[in-house]
């Protein structure tokens, strides 16, 4: 039977003892660290959690749309772009999900309505129109993500999330440039 470190069992009696101060401080250390990480300005914590939420939601949407584009695109460049987005956003999503879990942020059970609507709209297109619409969505989404990551990298108050944003900002900038370049290459010159 495990007993609290402050209690010694003598026969059928329990006797409280004075705990070793070093042991007591070591036992309290994990609680103190967790408390320090969670303390601070609630607005800053909310902003950091909002960043994690937005990255998780956008990443899930980009992966789902990328998988759809890899299956339905008629253009090899679009399929290649979509496959790269799926691979790299899956990697980013794994890391932000781990960071979010560490922070106590729950992964949403369902995609947010805006991303669901984008997927539903995209599924109504076919052929070259599908490719153009997918890429236009990706250009827009990557611009939003790039701005979100840039702001977190510059203004974030959580060191782990700030480092995450700094590490993946160049990846998102590359994705945004690629999305724009592929869109330009498949754009209908008659429009």
Protein backbone atom coordinates (compact mmCIF):
# COMPACT_ATOMS: atom_id res chain seq x y z
CA UNK A 1 0.00 0.00 0.00
CA UNK A 2 1.38 3.40 -0.97
CA UNK A 3 1.33 6.05 1.71
CA UNK A 4 1.87 9.73 1.43
CA UNK A 5 5.57 10.54 2.14
CA UNK A 6 4.55 12.44 5.28
CA UNK A 7 2.91 9.39 6.87
CA UNK A 8 4.66 6.40 8.41
CA UNK A 9 2.69 3.31 9.31
CA UNK A 10 3.39 1.81 12.77
CA UNK A 11 1.32 -1.34 13.17
CA UNK A 12 -2.30 -0.24 12.84
CA UNK A 13 -1.50 3.43 13.56
CA UNK A 14 -0.44 6.10 11.13
CA UNK A 15 1.96 8.72 12.38
CA UNK A 16 2.64 11.97 10.58
CA UNK A 17 6.27 12.91 10.22
CA UNK A 18 8.00 15.98 9.08
CA UNK A 19 8.89 15.63 5.39
CA UNK A 20 12.38 16.14 4.12
CA UNK A 21 12.39 19.75 2.80
CA UNK A 22 14.40 18.79 -0.31
CA UNK A 23 11.99 15.97 -1.14
CA UNK A 24 9.01 18.27 -0.55
CA UNK A 25 10.44 20.90 -2.92
CA UNK A 26 11.21 18.25 -5.56
CA UNK A 27 7.67 16.90 -5.30
CA UNK A 28 6.28 20.39 -5.74
CA UNK A 29 8.59 21.28 -8.63
CA UNK A 30 6.46 19.85 -11.47
CA UNK A 31 3.41 21.63 -10.08
CA UNK A 32 5.32 24.89 -9.81
CA UNK A 33 6.60 24.65 -13.38
CA UNK A 34 3.12 23.92 -14.72
CA UNK A 35 1.72 26.78 -12.72
CA UNK A 36 4.36 29.17 -14.04
CA UNK A 37 3.67 28.18 -17.62
CA UNK A 38 -0.05 28.78 -17.22
CA UNK A 39 0.22 31.97 -15.20
CA UNK A 40 0.34 35.34 -16.81
CA UNK A 41 -1.97 37.50 -18.78
CA UNK A 42 -5.11 35.50 -19.72
CA UNK A 43 -5.40 37.55 -22.93
CA UNK A 44 -1.93 36.41 -24.01
CA UNK A 45 -2.77 32.79 -23.20
CA UNK A 46 -6.00 33.15 -25.18
CA UNK A 47 -4.13 34.65 -28.14
CA UNK A 48 -1.59 31.81 -28.08
CA UNK A 49 -4.34 29.19 -27.85
CA UNK A 50 -6.21 30.91 -30.68
CA UNK A 51 -3.10 30.66 -32.84
CA UNK A 52 -2.84 26.92 -32.12
CA UNK A 53 -6.57 26.46 -32.85
CA UNK A 54 -6.34 28.29 -36.17
CA UNK A 55 -3.26 26.39 -37.30
CA UNK A 56 -4.85 23.02 -36.45
CA UNK A 57 -8.11 23.90 -38.22
CA UNK A 58 -6.39 25.27 -41.33
CA UNK A 59 -3.98 22.35 -41.48
CA UNK A 60 -6.77 19.78 -41.33
CA UNK A 61 -8.60 21.63 -44.10
CA UNK A 62 -5.49 21.95 -46.29
CA UNK A 63 -4.77 18.23 -45.94
CA UNK A 64 -8.36 17.27 -46.79
CA UNK A 65 -8.52 19.63 -49.77
CA UNK A 66 -5.07 18.55 -50.92
CA UNK A 67 -6.14 14.90 -50.85
CA UNK A 68 -9.21 15.81 -52.89
CA UNK A 69 -7.08 17.74 -55.39
CA UNK A 70 -4.55 14.90 -55.68
CA UNK A 71 -7.43 12.59 -56.70
CA UNK A 72 -9.49 14.95 -58.88
CA UNK A 73 -7.06 17.31 -60.56
CA UNK A 74 -6.57 17.06 -64.31
CA UNK A 75 -3.23 18.87 -64.19
CA UNK A 76 -0.01 17.11 -63.06
CA UNK A 77 1.36 20.38 -61.59
CA UNK A 78 -1.74 20.79 -59.45
CA UNK A 79 -1.57 17.17 -58.29
CA UNK A 80 2.12 17.57 -57.42
CA UNK A 81 1.41 20.79 -55.49
CA UNK A 82 -1.49 19.13 -53.65
CA UNK A 83 0.64 16.13 -52.69
CA UNK A 84 3.36 18.40 -51.34
CA UNK A 85 0.82 20.37 -49.31
CA UNK A 86 -0.62 17.14 -47.88
CA UNK A 87 2.84 15.86 -46.88
CA UNK A 88 4.13 19.09 -45.39
CA UNK A 89 0.90 20.15 -43.66
CA UNK A 90 0.60 16.67 -42.15
CA UNK A 91 4.06 17.17 -40.64
CA UNK A 92 3.16 20.66 -39.40
CA UNK A 93 -0.19 19.38 -38.08
CA UNK A 94 1.50 16.63 -36.05
CA UNK A 95 3.80 19.12 -34.40
CA UNK A 96 1.16 21.75 -33.62
CA UNK A 97 -1.19 19.05 -32.33
CA UNK A 98 1.49 17.91 -29.88
CA UNK A 99 2.13 21.50 -28.80
CA UNK A 100 -1.61 22.14 -28.46
CA UNK A 101 -2.08 18.99 -26.35
CA UNK A 102 0.80 20.11 -24.15
CA UNK A 103 -0.98 23.44 -23.69
CA UNK A 104 -4.31 21.72 -22.95
CA UNK A 105 -5.91 22.90 -26.21
CA UNK A 106 -8.31 20.26 -27.53
CA UNK A 107 -8.33 19.36 -31.20
CA UNK A 108 -11.70 20.31 -32.69
CA UNK A 109 -14.03 17.35 -33.27
CA UNK A 110 -15.17 18.73 -36.62
CA UNK A 111 -13.78 21.24 -39.12
CA UNK A 112 -14.87 24.81 -38.65
CA UNK A 113 -17.79 25.96 -40.83
CA UNK A 114 -15.65 28.15 -43.10
CA UNK A 115 -13.32 25.32 -44.04
CA UNK A 116 -16.23 22.90 -44.44
CA UNK A 117 -17.93 25.35 -46.79
CA UNK A 118 -14.73 25.73 -48.83
CA UNK A 119 -14.52 21.95 -49.21
CA UNK A 120 -18.17 21.67 -50.19
CA UNK A 121 -17.80 24.42 -52.76
CA UNK A 122 -14.66 22.89 -54.22
CA UNK A 123 -16.29 19.48 -54.59
CA UNK A 124 -18.89 21.00 -56.93
CA UNK A 125 -16.20 21.79 -59.55
CA UNK A 126 -14.57 19.45 -62.06
CA UNK A 127 -11.69 19.52 -64.55
CA UNK A 128 -9.76 22.73 -65.12
CA UNK A 129 -12.36 24.73 -63.15
CA UNK A 130 -11.66 22.50 -60.14
CA UNK A 131 -7.91 23.11 -60.48
CA UNK A 132 -8.32 26.87 -60.72
CA UNK A 133 -10.74 27.03 -57.78
CA UNK A 134 -8.53 24.79 -55.61
CA UNK A 135 -5.46 26.91 -56.32
CA UNK A 136 -7.34 30.16 -55.74
CA UNK A 137 -8.45 28.82 -52.33
CA UNK A 138 -4.89 27.76 -51.56
CA UNK A 139 -3.48 31.18 -52.46
CA UNK A 140 -6.01 32.84 -50.16
CA UNK A 141 -5.54 30.34 -47.30
CA UNK A 142 -1.76 30.52 -47.49
CA UNK A 143 -1.85 34.31 -47.37
CA UNK A 144 -3.94 34.10 -44.20
CA UNK A 145 -1.67 31.46 -42.69
CA UNK A 146 1.47 33.37 -43.60
CA UNK A 147 0.13 36.48 -41.84
CA UNK A 148 -0.94 34.42 -38.82
CA UNK A 149 2.49 32.77 -38.52
CA UNK A 150 4.32 36.06 -39.07
CA UNK A 151 2.32 37.74 -36.30
CA UNK A 152 2.96 34.84 -33.90
CA UNK A 153 6.67 34.81 -34.74
CA UNK A 154 6.94 38.56 -34.07
CA UNK A 155 4.46 39.08 -31.24
CA UNK A 156 3.81 35.67 -29.67
CA UNK A 157 4.33 35.46 -25.92
CA UNK A 158 4.64 31.67 -25.67
CA UNK A 159 8.23 30.66 -26.48
CA UNK A 160 7.26 27.24 -27.85
CA UNK A 161 4.58 28.61 -30.18
CA UNK A 162 6.79 31.49 -31.23
CA UNK A 163 9.61 29.09 -32.18
CA UNK A 164 7.10 26.91 -34.02
CA UNK A 165 5.86 29.91 -36.02
CA UNK A 166 9.42 31.05 -36.81
CA UNK A 167 10.39 27.55 -37.95
CA UNK A 168 7.42 27.07 -40.31
CA UNK A 169 6.94 30.62 -41.62
CA UNK A 170 9.42 30.02 -44.48
CA UNK A 171 7.54 26.83 -45.41
CA UNK A 172 4.25 28.72 -45.58
CA UNK A 173 5.85 31.49 -47.62
CA UNK A 174 7.14 28.87 -50.07
CA UNK A 175 3.66 27.28 -50.23
CA UNK A 176 2.09 30.67 -50.97
CA UNK A 177 4.57 31.35 -53.78
CA UNK A 178 4.05 27.87 -55.24
CA UNK A 179 0.26 28.19 -55.09
CA UNK A 180 0.45 31.53 -56.92
CA UNK A 181 2.86 30.17 -59.55
CA UNK A 182 0.80 27.04 -60.24
CA UNK A 183 -2.40 29.11 -60.37
CA UNK A 184 -0.77 31.47 -62.87
CA UNK A 185 0.31 28.50 -65.00
CA UNK A 186 -3.18 26.96 -65.17
CA UNK A 187 -5.16 30.20 -65.39
CA UNK A 188 -7.49 30.46 -68.35
CA UNK A 189 -6.06 33.17 -70.65
CA UNK A 190 -9.59 33.95 -71.86
CA UNK A 191 -10.71 35.25 -68.45
